[in-house]
């Protein structure tokens, strides 16, 4: 079936070659892979794999300590039709961890550093059109002190773990050389219920050998495809030139449909490039966007389109049972649907940018997001580390710039948790370096996108962050708090919230992490800290939600975590797994998920908990019976219980 489908795609592509629209197709299937080959030309030791792929998928489930971190090769022969020879050819990687070198027909094309953002290469000069072409990719997930993350409580998988695709475009086109962005940037400087202004910046490239005289059209359509506004501008490009074109006037939309959590309305912008003389369509890019305005208040929390909304949701890792992070799109879609079904309206995309379909789903479902780069636990005192971190931030912003769901850019998580030094003298030299990295990232993020907020996530050691001046830098302070889990007194949680509000006046506060380990197999009638039982998980989450609801100055929260995830170094109830998810590695629903669905869902909901506890027993309690309580979750004012029809 898949082969037939690909054949149909190729027929459609061939029939449209008279036009200049972009042609895109994946090359995910049937790569050769070797972890032992010295180079792409080596014989023996190759196996056939499909992309997405990681060579660490089994490390979380085996009993062997550690995991392979090093280099590996992927190679594939691809026939490129001769009919594409008058176009530019590009290859896109949605993600590969973490150092990549690309070769085409034995020639080095380019390299990329960083495991969580997209990247692309122009491969036109290296291709043989109408013939087979050998693509070879060297990927390395070794520890590199100059590449964040240095360490973290998650597994650093190696491999090409997101989609790869080829793109063929006209030599005169919307630019593809700006950090794998679309080349189109949509700003909405003024939005209200009555009107909205839309400003479009387009990057144009002329990769032909002659000057180009083109007309750029920006056409806005509503969700039904009806044209709303358009504007055209003539632009001249020299041979080999990339130019920034900004629409001369803002396009005004009267009585716009606003993007909101309950009605995530999306407009579509078509950017078209025409040859000015012939009128031929040379290129087209389509981008969705939303019209909304938002703000954060240090005392009153979050407002979307003028209405107060409490942000409540989860963090999320891109893991799945026995697959590691090599997930097809449907796995990502399923996770975002779980958040929406639960009634969540917020996703902290942590601790790194994730598959683009994650952001697309948040746009479509009305889930507000924060996205962050993987600067976690510590920094390296090198210029290369700083440069790589800043480049990751730029890639993150430009690739998700048009997303209406994105309202926060994050850039450090618990950066002083695992300090590389222990003495006061050493830390006195280390803290200014951390501050330098933080300020460089903060400044660059605000320069790239002044319309959104910035955030840093701290752990409960405020004195460290104050000494490094980090509490002064971000617009939003995120707090990862685990009182009642890593710290004994659960009631210290609300006291910490009140102290933070009093101490850091004028700072917006979000609880960016909280949660206990919960193993769905474990139950108890006497729940307590560190027992990993579902029963203690309910006590913990109920307490945290209740205390945050009492405090309007808490703008929002993202529990840790939507799903259990692999962490090679952990030795918890299940080795190599962090079990703080409200669903399991295989997305088994835990009682903690049912609790949130009852608390947050706007539709009638009723569920009986402890569904997996099928074999029960215990000491006689009264009247010859063993009495055990069963949790029931509902948002109804009352419920009835029927047993055997009564």
Foldseek 3Di string as FASTA:
>chain_A
DVVVVVVVLVVVVVVPLVAFEKRKDFPFFWKWKAPPDPFPPDDDRIDTDGPPAFPCLCLLPDPDFDTDFFKMKIKDKDAAALSLLQWWKKKKAQFFAAKKWKDKQRHTFDIGGGGHHMDMTGCNVRDDHRDIMMIMMMWGNHQDQQHPPNDDQADRTGGSQHTMMMMIGHLKEFDCPQLNALQKFWDWPDFAQFKTWIKIKTKIFHQDQAKAKKKKKKWKAWPVRHTFDMDIDIDIGGHGDIDIDIPPGTDMGGRDDAQALVRLTKMKIKIWIARPPPRGTRYIDIDIAGGWAKDQFLAQAIDINRHADFAEAAEDDCFFRSRGNNDDLVVLLVLVVLGVLLQGQEYEDPDAHHRVSNLVNCSVNNHAYEHEHRHEQEHDLDPSNLVNLLSRLSSVCSRCVRRNNYAEYEYYAQHNVNDPDDDPVVLLVRLCSVLVSLQVNLVSNCVSPVRHFYEYEHEPPVVSCVSSVVLVGGQAYEYAYEDQEPNNHLVVVLVVVVVCSVVSPRHQYEHEEYFHAADLVDDDPDDGYQPNHLVVRVVNVVVVVVSLVVGSSHNYYHYPHQEKGARSPDDGPRHRIRRRHCAYSNRHHAVNSLQSSQVRPPDWDKDKHSPVVDDDDDDDDPPRDDDDDTDMGTVDPDDDDADPRD
